PDB file of N, CA and C in Angstrom:
ATOM      1  N   MET A   1      31.786   0.414  30.938  1.00  0.00           N
ATOM      2  CA  MET A   1      30.869  -0.496  30.833  1.00  0.00           C
ATOM      3  C   MET A   1      29.578   0.008  30.132  1.00  0.00           C
ATOM      4  N   GLU A   2      28.809  -0.979  29.476  1.00  0.00           N
ATOM      5  CA  GLU A   2      27.813  -0.490  28.325  1.00  0.00           C
ATOM      6  C   GLU A   2      26.512  -1.086  29.246  1.00  0.00           C
ATOM      7  N   VAL A   3      25.376  -0.192  29.090  1.00  0.00           N
ATOM      8  CA  VAL A   3      24.226  -0.547  29.584  1.00  0.00           C
ATOM      9  C   VAL A   3      23.151  -1.167  28.481  1.00  0.00           C
ATOM     10  N   GLN A   4      22.490  -2.209  28.508  1.00  0.00           N
ATOM     11  CA  GLN A   4      21.791  -2.772  27.488  1.00  0.00           C
ATOM     12  C   GLN A   4      20.392  -2.410  28.005  1.00  0.00           C
ATOM     13  N   ARG A   5      19.646  -1.786  26.987  1.00  0.00           N
ATOM     14  CA  ARG A   5      18.316  -1.404  27.016  1.00  0.00           C
ATOM     15  C   ARG A   5      17.351  -2.659  26.360  1.00  0.00           C
ATOM     16  N   ALA A   6      16.500  -2.782  26.878  1.00  0.00           N
ATOM     17  CA  ALA A   6      15.287  -3.520  26.352  1.00  0.00           C
ATOM     18  C   ALA A   6      14.493  -2.890  25.008  1.00  0.00           C
ATOM     19  N   CYS A   7      13.943  -3.367  24.188  1.00  0.00           N
ATOM     20  CA  CYS A   7      13.176  -2.790  23.119  1.00  0.00           C
ATOM     21  C   CYS A   7      11.965  -3.526  23.142  1.00  0.00           C
ATOM     22  N   PHE A   8      10.692  -3.147  23.304  1.00  0.00           N
ATOM     23  CA  PHE A   8       9.509  -3.755  23.264  1.00  0.00           C
ATOM     24  C   PHE A   8       8.719  -3.479  22.217  1.00  0.00           C
ATOM     25  N   ASN A   9       9.668  -3.012  21.041  1.00  0.00           N
ATOM     26  CA  ASN A   9       8.557  -2.729  20.019  1.00  0.00           C
ATOM     27  C   ASN A   9       8.674  -3.847  19.173  1.00  0.00           C
ATOM     28  N   GLU A  10       7.560  -4.064  18.515  1.00  0.00           N
ATOM     29  CA  GLU A  10       7.503  -5.306  17.618  1.00  0.00           C
ATOM     30  C   GLU A  10       8.068  -5.098  16.501  1.00  0.00           C
ATOM     31  N   PHE A  11       9.284  -5.787  16.078  1.00  0.00           N
ATOM     32  CA  PHE A  11      10.047  -5.706  14.740  1.00  0.00           C
ATOM     33  C   PHE A  11       9.520  -6.193  13.762  1.00  0.00           C
ATOM     34  N   PRO A  12       9.422  -5.620  12.425  1.00  0.00           N
ATOM     35  CA  PRO A  12       9.648  -4.253  12.443  1.00  0.00           C
ATOM     36  C   PRO A  12       8.689  -3.335  12.284  1.00  0.00           C
ATOM     37  N   ASP A  13       7.557  -3.761  12.402  1.00  0.00           N
ATOM     38  CA  ASP A  13       6.031  -2.923  12.401  1.00  0.00           C
ATOM     39  C   ASP A  13       6.334  -1.561  13.209  1.00  0.00           C
ATOM     40  N   GLN A  14       6.646  -1.642  14.488  1.00  0.00           N
ATOM     41  CA  GLN A  14       6.599  -0.640  15.366  1.00  0.00           C
ATOM     42  C   GLN A  14       7.980   0.263  15.434  1.00  0.00           C
ATOM     43  N   CYS A  15       8.786  -0.293  14.269  1.00  0.00           N
ATOM     44  CA  CYS A  15      10.237   0.795  14.636  1.00  0.00           C
ATOM     45  C   CYS A  15      10.147   1.575  13.555  1.00  0.00           C
ATOM     46  N   VAL A  16       9.211   2.009  12.802  1.00  0.00           N
ATOM     47  CA  VAL A  16       9.546   2.803  11.715  1.00  0.00           C
ATOM     48  C   VAL A  16      10.105   4.532  12.094  1.00  0.00           C
ATOM     49  N   GLY A  17       9.449   4.745  13.115  1.00  0.00           N
ATOM     50  CA  GLY A  17       9.924   6.116  13.914  1.00  0.00           C
ATOM     51  C   GLY A  17      11.390   5.955  14.912  1.00  0.00           C
ATOM     52  N   CYS A  18      11.973   4.833  14.841  1.00  0.00           N
ATOM     53  CA  CYS A  18      13.256   4.990  15.705  1.00  0.00           C
ATOM     54  C   CYS A  18      14.330   5.314  14.749  1.00  0.00           C
ATOM     55  N   PRO A  19      15.347   6.198  15.218  1.00  0.00           N
ATOM     56  CA  PRO A  19      16.077   6.611  14.502  1.00  0.00           C
ATOM     57  C   PRO A  19      17.376   5.539  14.107  1.00  0.00           C
ATOM     58  N   GLU A  20      17.261   4.361  14.748  1.00  0.00           N
ATOM     59  CA  GLU A  20      18.207   3.471  14.554  1.00  0.00           C
ATOM     60  C   GLU A  20      17.854   2.440  13.594  1.00  0.00           C
ATOM     61  N   TYR A  21      16.668   2.568  12.869  1.00  0.00           N
ATOM     62  CA  TYR A  21      15.982   1.576  12.251  1.00  0.00           C
ATOM     63  C   TYR A  21      15.972   2.100  10.785  1.00  0.00           C
ATOM     64  N   SER A  22      16.182   1.129   9.875  1.00  0.00           N
ATOM     65  CA  SER A  22      16.443   1.543   8.280  1.00  0.00           C
ATOM     66  C   SER A  22      16.214   0.696   7.514  1.00  0.00           C
ATOM     67  N   GLU A  23      15.421   0.974   6.481  1.00  0.00           N
ATOM     68  CA  GLU A  23      14.894   0.089   5.498  1.00  0.00           C
ATOM     69  C   GLU A  23      15.735   0.301   3.995  1.00  0.00           C
ATOM     70  N   THR A  24      16.114  -0.715   3.190  1.00  0.00           N
ATOM     71  CA  THR A  24      16.846  -0.427   1.975  1.00  0.00           C
ATOM     72  C   THR A  24      16.160  -1.336   1.147  1.00  0.00           C
ATOM     73  N   ARG A  25      16.221  -0.966  -0.076  1.00  0.00           N
ATOM     74  CA  ARG A  25      15.582  -1.698  -1.200  1.00  0.00           C
ATOM     75  C   ARG A  25      16.489  -1.974  -1.873  1.00  0.00           C
ATOM     76  N   GLN A  26      16.662  -3.220  -2.665  1.00  0.00           N
ATOM     77  CA  GLN A  26      17.760  -3.765  -3.561  1.00  0.00           C
ATOM     78  C   GLN A  26      17.138  -4.454  -4.579  1.00  0.00           C
ATOM     79  N   ASP A  27      17.588  -4.136  -6.084  1.00  0.00           N
ATOM     80  CA  ASP A  27      17.199  -4.854  -6.994  1.00  0.00           C
ATOM     81  C   ASP A  27      18.128  -5.895  -7.287  1.00  0.00           C
ATOM     82  N   GLN A  28      17.690  -7.005  -7.121  1.00  0.00           N
ATOM     83  CA  GLN A  28      18.423  -8.459  -7.398  1.00  0.00           C
ATOM     84  C   GLN A  28      19.141  -8.483  -9.096  1.00  0.00           C
ATOM     85  N   ALA A  29      18.195  -8.106  -9.821  1.00  0.00           N
ATOM     86  CA  ALA A  29      18.305  -8.661 -11.152  1.00  0.00           C
ATOM     87  C   ALA A  29      19.401  -7.540 -11.572  1.00  0.00           C
ATOM     88  N   THR A  30      19.469  -6.394 -11.319  1.00  0.00           N
ATOM     89  CA  THR A  30      20.888  -5.202 -11.665  1.00  0.00           C
ATOM     90  C   THR A  30      22.131  -5.734 -10.794  1.00  0.00           C
ATOM     91  N   GLN A  31      21.982  -6.219  -9.823  1.00  0.00           N
ATOM     92  CA  GLN A  31      23.261  -6.942  -9.050  1.00  0.00           C
ATOM     93  C   GLN A  31      23.758  -8.218  -9.893  1.00  0.00           C
ATOM     94  N   LEU A  32      22.794  -8.845 -10.023  1.00  0.00           N
ATOM     95  CA  LEU A  32      23.193 -10.236 -10.856  1.00  0.00           C
ATOM     96  C   LEU A  32      23.775  -9.769 -12.040  1.00  0.00           C
ATOM     97  N   ILE A  33      23.370  -9.112 -12.910  1.00  0.00           N
ATOM     98  CA  ILE A  33      23.935  -8.638 -14.210  1.00  0.00           C
ATOM     99  C   ILE A  33      25.272  -8.225 -14.029  1.00  0.00           C
ATOM    100  N   LEU A  34      25.389  -7.132 -13.078  1.00  0.00           N
ATOM    101  CA  LEU A  34      26.764  -6.543 -12.978  1.00  0.00           C
ATOM    102  C   LEU A  34      27.520  -7.568 -12.377  1.00  0.00           C
ATOM    103  N   LEU A  35      27.588  -8.500 -11.597  1.00  0.00           N
ATOM    104  CA  LEU A  35      28.432  -9.484 -11.045  1.00  0.00           C
ATOM    105  C   LEU A  35      28.629 -10.458 -12.226  1.00  0.00           C
ATOM    106  N   SER A  36      27.397 -10.880 -13.058  1.00  0.00           N
ATOM    107  CA  SER A  36      27.902 -12.012 -13.962  1.00  0.00           C
ATOM    108  C   SER A  36      28.621 -11.430 -15.294  1.00  0.00           C
ATOM    109  N   GLY A  37      28.080 -10.580 -15.672  1.00  0.00           N
ATOM    110  CA  GLY A  37      28.389  -9.865 -17.031  1.00  0.00           C
ATOM    111  C   GLY A  37      27.707 -10.596 -17.932  1.00  0.00           C
ATOM    112  N   MET A  38      26.832 -11.466 -17.795  1.00  0.00           N
ATOM    113  CA  MET A  38      25.995 -12.159 -18.604  1.00  0.00           C
ATOM    114  C   MET A  38      24.612 -11.713 -19.287  1.00  0.00           C
ATOM    115  N   GLY A  39      24.439 -10.448 -18.979  1.00  0.00           N
ATOM    116  CA  GLY A  39      22.837 -10.046 -19.254  1.00  0.00           C
ATOM    117  C   GLY A  39      21.693 -10.842 -18.752  1.00  0.00           C
ATOM    118  N   MET A  40      20.672 -10.734 -19.321  1.00  0.00           N
ATOM    119  CA  MET A  40      19.565 -11.401 -18.936  1.00  0.00           C
ATOM    120  C   MET A  40      19.377 -12.870 -19.605  1.00  0.00           C
ATOM    121  N   MET A  41      20.651 -13.749 -19.853  1.00  0.00           N
ATOM    122  CA  MET A  41      20.346 -14.932 -20.336  1.00  0.00           C
ATOM    123  C   MET A  41      19.801 -15.867 -19.167  1.00  0.00           C
ATOM    124  N   TYR A  42      19.886 -15.475 -17.794  1.00  0.00           N
ATOM    125  CA  TYR A  42      19.329 -16.311 -16.907  1.00  0.00           C
ATOM    126  C   TYR A  42      18.412 -15.468 -15.835  1.00  0.00           C
ATOM    127  N   PRO A  43      17.150 -15.298 -16.036  1.00  0.00           N
ATOM    128  CA  PRO A  43      16.481 -14.500 -15.417  1.00  0.00           C
ATOM    129  C   PRO A  43      16.597 -14.906 -13.783  1.00  0.00           C
ATOM    130  N   PRO A  44      16.753 -13.946 -12.659  1.00  0.00           N
ATOM    131  CA  PRO A  44      16.799 -14.181 -11.562  1.00  0.00           C
ATOM    132  C   PRO A  44      15.588 -14.879 -10.573  1.00  0.00           C
ATOM    133  N   PRO A  45      15.764 -15.472  -9.560  1.00  0.00           N
ATOM    134  CA  PRO A  45      14.318 -16.235  -8.844  1.00  0.00           C
ATOM    135  C   PRO A  45      13.685 -15.317  -8.351  1.00  0.00           C
ATOM    136  N   TYR A  46      14.229 -14.282  -8.307  1.00  0.00           N
ATOM    137  CA  TYR A  46      13.210 -13.133  -7.547  1.00  0.00           C
ATOM    138  C   TYR A  46      13.682 -11.616  -7.884  1.00  0.00           C
ATOM    139  N   GLY A  47      12.919 -10.615  -7.874  1.00  0.00           N
ATOM    140  CA  GLY A  47      13.456  -9.402  -8.423  1.00  0.00           C
ATOM    141  C   GLY A  47      13.854  -8.253  -7.335  1.00  0.00           C
ATOM    142  N   GLU A  48      13.275  -7.734  -6.680  1.00  0.00           N
ATOM    143  CA  GLU A  48      13.583  -6.946  -5.404  1.00  0.00           C
ATOM    144  C   GLU A  48      13.606  -7.442  -4.160  1.00  0.00           C
ATOM    145  N   LYS A  49      14.277  -6.882  -2.996  1.00  0.00           N
ATOM    146  CA  LYS A  49      14.198  -7.427  -1.787  1.00  0.00           C
ATOM    147  C   LYS A  49      14.569  -6.061  -1.103  1.00  0.00           C
ATOM    148  N   VAL A  50      13.640  -5.937   0.072  1.00  0.00           N
ATOM    149  CA  VAL A  50      13.888  -4.991   1.218  1.00  0.00           C
ATOM    150  C   VAL A  50      14.564  -5.394   2.416  1.00  0.00           C
ATOM    151  N   VAL A  51      15.405  -4.808   2.719  1.00  0.00           N
ATOM    152  CA  VAL A  51      16.318  -5.083   4.156  1.00  0.00           C
ATOM    153  C   VAL A  51      16.016  -4.227   5.198  1.00  0.00           C
ATOM    154  N   LYS A  52      15.285  -4.991   6.090  1.00  0.00           N
ATOM    155  CA  LYS A  52      14.734  -4.078   7.338  1.00  0.00           C
ATOM    156  C   LYS A  52      15.625  -4.208   8.523  1.00  0.00           C
ATOM    157  N   GLU A  53      16.315  -3.086   9.186  1.00  0.00           N
ATOM    158  CA  GLU A  53      17.473  -3.380  10.129  1.00  0.00           C
ATOM    159  C   GLU A  53      17.177  -2.411  11.072  1.00  0.00           C
ATOM    160  N   CYS A  54      17.589  -3.023  12.350  1.00  0.00           N
ATOM    161  CA  CYS A  54      17.638  -2.041  13.545  1.00  0.00           C
ATOM    162  C   CYS A  54      19.158  -2.266  14.144  1.00  0.00           C
ATOM    163  N   LYS A  55      19.764  -1.197  13.711  1.00  0.00           N
ATOM    164  CA  LYS A  55      21.331  -1.238  14.224  1.00  0.00           C
ATOM    165  C   LYS A  55      21.540  -1.314  15.670  1.00  0.00           C
ATOM    166  N   LEU A  56      20.753  -0.495  16.736  1.00  0.00           N
ATOM    167  CA  LEU A  56      20.923  -0.711  17.942  1.00  0.00           C
ATOM    168  C   LEU A  56      20.667  -2.072  18.647  1.00  0.00           C
ATOM    169  N   TYR A  57      19.785  -2.649  18.461  1.00  0.00           N
ATOM    170  CA  TYR A  57      19.210  -4.095  18.995  1.00  0.00           C
ATOM    171  C   TYR A  57      19.675  -5.365  17.979  1.00  0.00           C
ATOM    172  N   HIS A  58      20.362  -4.991  16.812  1.00  0.00           N
ATOM    173  CA  HIS A  58      21.139  -5.986  16.136  1.00  0.00           C
ATOM    174  C   HIS A  58      19.903  -7.091  15.501  1.00  0.00           C
ATOM    175  N   LYS A  59      18.575  -6.327  14.931  1.00  0.00           N
ATOM    176  CA  LYS A  59      17.456  -7.316  14.418  1.00  0.00           C
ATOM    177  C   LYS A  59      17.753  -6.751  13.041  1.00  0.00           C
ATOM    178  N   ARG A  60      17.494  -7.797  12.159  1.00  0.00           N
ATOM    179  CA  ARG A  60      17.493  -7.720  10.894  1.00  0.00           C
ATOM    180  C   ARG A  60      16.453  -8.676  10.066  1.00  0.00           C
ATOM    181  N   LYS A  61      15.798  -8.268   8.763  1.00  0.00           N
ATOM    182  CA  LYS A  61      14.559  -8.979   8.081  1.00  0.00           C
ATOM    183  C   LYS A  61      14.865  -8.627   7.071  1.00  0.00           C
ATOM    184  N   VAL A  62      14.621  -9.856   5.855  1.00  0.00           N
ATOM    185  CA  VAL A  62      14.519  -9.476   4.452  1.00  0.00           C
ATOM    186  C   VAL A  62      13.486  -9.939   3.907  1.00  0.00           C
ATOM    187  N   GLU A  63      12.957  -9.103   3.265  1.00  0.00           N
ATOM    188  CA  GLU A  63      11.539  -9.566   2.740  1.00  0.00           C
ATOM    189  C   GLU A  63      11.786  -9.439   0.920  1.00  0.00           C
ATOM    190  N   TYR A  64      11.535 -10.443   0.412  1.00  0.00           N
ATOM    191  CA  TYR A  64      11.415 -10.575  -1.276  1.00  0.00           C
ATOM    192  C   TYR A  64      10.262 -10.261  -1.667  1.00  0.00           C
ATOM    193  N   LEU A  65      10.256  -9.305  -2.559  1.00  0.00           N
ATOM    194  CA  LEU A  65       9.030  -8.662  -3.157  1.00  0.00           C
ATOM    195  C   LEU A  65       8.714  -9.235  -4.598  1.00  0.00           C
ATOM    196  N   ARG A  66       8.708 -10.693  -4.790  1.00  0.00           N
ATOM    197  CA  ARG A  66       8.019 -11.103  -5.983  1.00  0.00           C
ATOM    198  C   ARG A  66       7.815 -12.680  -5.742  1.00  0.00           C
TER     199      ARG A  66
END
């Protein structure tokens, strides 16, 4: 039986030191070019995004940087 623990940190501002917290930066323009094969004919609506995630408490937030 798994014991559920409560997290009282304000996500994601107070989670930076937690070992279960991660941030990944993804460039959407590069992904779209590779998927579409069309080059830069159609510019993407946004450039980069940062995915902030806590695996232990199943929290996730996506921030678009443009």
